Amino acid sequence: MDTNLYWVLRGTYSERKAKLASVDRAWLEASILDEKYNEFLCSKADYKDHEKDAHGHGKRVPYIGWFWRRVTFSAGTISLGDCGEFVGFMENNKWGYRERSTTAEEFVRIMTIIDEAMKLDEQGGSLDKIIESTNAKLEELWGYMQTLTIPA
């Protein structure tokens, strides 16, 4: 079985339904959650052209690489890297940066901040206030991740 929900859901309606019926429920739950978190973070990861870049890297969410890479949040740990300028999510270490996995406590804290940002993003009300509060929570994520050290 392919490990990416996108590939499982290819084909006709009947083919997709059959594939979904045949996959392990735990895998399906993990894949759906991973997809939801990656979709949210990918959509928020970079500053838009009209926004002020608070970090000087074009990134609102601290990730290392040219673009957001899929994170397997369901694994219960996240790969972190230190590029010398900031600590961030690092799913591909092409550069030989220092790296490590989060501890259980760090993982919970990161996921809590992301959950709070997602909840803010889904609330009703003024679009400007939704964007402002979501971005403020993502700034908290950036700040927290900069407190995490990666030994040499």
Protein backbone atom coordinates (compact mmCIF):
# COMPACT_ATOMS: atom_id res chain seq x y z
CA MET A 1 0.00 0.00 0.00
CA ASP A 2 1.28 3.45 -0.91
CA THR A 3 2.07 5.60 2.12
CA ASN A 4 0.69 8.81 0.66
CA LEU A 5 -3.04 9.50 0.83
CA TYR A 6 -2.86 11.45 -2.43
CA TRP A 7 -1.82 8.35 -4.36
CA VAL A 8 -4.41 6.16 -2.66
CA LEU A 9 -7.11 8.58 -3.73
CA ARG A 10 -6.25 8.53 -7.42
CA GLY A 11 -8.54 6.95 -9.98
CA THR A 12 -12.27 6.82 -10.49
CA TYR A 13 -14.79 7.13 -7.69
CA SER A 14 -15.21 3.34 -7.55
CA GLU A 15 -11.44 2.76 -7.50
CA ARG A 16 -10.96 5.33 -4.74
CA LYS A 17 -13.75 3.86 -2.66
CA ALA A 18 -12.30 0.35 -3.04
CA LYS A 19 -8.81 1.51 -2.10
CA LEU A 20 -10.10 3.32 0.98
CA ALA A 21 -12.09 0.27 2.05
CA SER A 22 -8.95 -1.85 1.88
CA VAL A 23 -6.56 0.36 3.87
CA ASP A 24 -5.78 0.01 7.53
CA ARG A 25 -7.94 2.35 9.62
CA ALA A 26 -5.01 3.60 11.76
CA TRP A 27 -3.03 4.41 8.61
CA LEU A 28 -6.02 6.22 7.13
CA GLU A 29 -6.58 8.29 10.27
CA ALA A 30 -2.89 9.23 10.44
CA SER A 31 -2.83 10.11 6.74
CA ILE A 32 -5.88 12.34 7.00
CA LEU A 33 -4.45 14.18 10.02
CA ASP A 34 -1.03 14.54 8.41
CA GLU A 35 -2.68 15.92 5.28
CA LYS A 36 -4.73 18.45 7.28
CA TYR A 37 -1.70 19.78 9.19
CA ASN A 38 0.52 19.91 6.10
CA GLU A 39 -2.16 21.66 4.07
CA PHE A 40 -2.55 24.33 6.76
CA LEU A 41 1.17 24.91 7.33
CA CYS A 42 2.00 24.88 3.62
CA SER A 43 -0.66 27.55 3.00
CA LYS A 44 0.80 29.75 5.75
CA ALA A 45 4.51 28.86 5.48
CA ASP A 46 5.68 31.81 3.40
CA TYR A 47 4.98 35.52 3.56
CA LYS A 48 2.98 36.88 0.65
CA ASP A 49 4.50 39.62 -1.52
CA HIS A 50 2.50 42.38 0.19
CA GLU A 51 3.41 41.26 3.74
CA LYS A 52 6.31 42.43 5.85
CA ASP A 53 8.83 39.61 6.34
CA ALA A 54 9.44 39.56 10.10
CA HIS A 55 12.32 37.07 9.89
CA GLY A 56 14.22 38.05 6.76
CA HIS A 57 13.89 34.62 5.13
CA GLY A 58 10.50 34.93 3.46
CA LYS A 59 9.15 32.31 5.85
CA ARG A 60 6.38 32.74 8.38
CA VAL A 61 6.74 29.13 9.56
CA PRO A 62 10.31 28.05 10.29
CA TYR A 63 11.20 25.38 7.76
CA ILE A 64 14.49 24.63 6.12
CA GLY A 65 14.51 24.23 2.38
CA TRP A 66 13.21 25.93 -0.72
CA PHE A 67 9.59 24.96 -0.03
CA TRP A 68 7.44 23.32 2.64
CA ARG A 69 8.00 19.57 2.63
CA ARG A 70 5.43 17.10 3.93
CA VAL A 71 5.87 16.33 7.62
CA THR A 72 4.63 13.05 9.08
CA PHE A 73 3.10 14.52 12.24
CA SER A 74 1.45 11.18 13.04
CA ALA A 75 4.89 9.74 13.85
CA GLY A 76 4.80 11.70 17.12
CA THR A 77 8.08 13.44 16.46
CA ILE A 78 9.32 16.12 14.09
CA SER A 79 12.70 16.47 12.39
CA LEU A 80 14.37 19.74 13.30
CA GLY A 81 17.34 21.37 11.64
CA ASP A 82 19.57 24.34 12.34
CA CYS A 83 20.66 26.13 9.17
CA GLY A 84 22.79 28.59 11.12
CA GLU A 85 20.16 31.33 10.86
CA PHE A 86 17.19 29.65 12.53
CA VAL A 87 15.87 26.31 13.78
CA GLY A 88 13.00 24.87 11.78
CA PHE A 89 11.18 21.88 10.41
CA MET A 90 13.61 19.95 8.23
CA GLU A 91 12.31 16.97 6.28
CA ASN A 92 15.20 16.88 3.84
CA ASN A 93 18.78 17.60 4.89
CA LYS A 94 20.52 18.15 1.57
CA TRP A 95 22.92 20.57 3.20
CA GLY A 96 24.35 18.56 6.07
CA TYR A 97 22.90 20.86 8.72
CA ARG A 98 22.80 19.81 12.34
CA GLU A 99 19.59 17.96 13.00
CA ARG A 100 17.63 16.06 15.60
CA SER A 101 14.12 14.88 16.39
CA THR A 102 11.86 16.61 18.86
CA THR A 103 11.40 15.23 22.35
CA ALA A 104 7.90 14.16 23.36
CA GLU A 105 7.44 17.43 25.28
CA GLU A 106 8.66 19.57 22.37
CA PHE A 107 6.37 17.73 19.98
CA VAL A 108 3.35 18.36 22.22
CA ARG A 109 4.21 22.07 22.53
CA ILE A 110 4.67 22.50 18.78
CA MET A 111 1.42 20.67 18.02
CA THR A 112 -0.45 22.71 20.64
CA ILE A 113 0.65 25.96 19.02
CA ILE A 114 -0.28 24.66 15.56
CA ASP A 115 -3.67 23.47 16.84
CA GLU A 116 -4.32 26.91 18.33
CA ALA A 117 -3.34 28.59 15.04
CA MET A 118 -5.62 26.26 13.08
CA LYS A 119 -8.52 26.97 15.44
CA LEU A 120 -7.98 30.72 15.06
CA ASP A 121 -7.84 30.34 11.28
CA GLU A 122 -11.18 28.51 11.26
CA GLN A 123 -13.08 30.96 13.49
CA GLY A 124 -15.70 33.27 12.16
CA GLY A 125 -15.67 37.04 12.15
CA SER A 126 -13.60 39.71 10.52
CA LEU A 127 -11.14 38.30 7.99
CA ASP A 128 -8.51 40.85 9.01
CA LYS A 129 -8.78 39.77 12.66
CA ILE A 130 -8.67 36.07 11.72
CA ILE A 131 -5.49 36.60 9.67
CA GLU A 132 -3.93 38.75 12.39
CA SER A 133 -4.62 36.29 15.21
CA THR A 134 -3.54 33.26 13.16
CA ASN A 135 -0.31 34.97 12.13
CA ALA A 136 0.36 36.01 15.74
CA LYS A 137 0.05 32.37 16.81
CA LEU A 138 2.42 31.30 14.02
CA GLU A 139 4.86 33.94 15.26
CA GLU A 140 4.65 32.19 18.64
CA LEU A 141 5.56 28.94 16.85
CA TRP A 142 8.60 30.63 15.28
CA GLY A 143 9.67 32.00 18.65
CA TYR A 144 9.27 28.69 20.44
CA MET A 145 11.21 26.78 17.82
CA GLN A 146 14.11 29.21 18.19
CA THR A 147 14.44 28.14 21.82
CA LEU A 148 15.18 24.57 20.73
CA THR A 149 18.85 23.75 20.46
CA ILE A 150 20.59 21.25 18.25
CA PRO A 151 23.94 20.11 19.61
CA ALA A 152 26.98 20.26 17.34
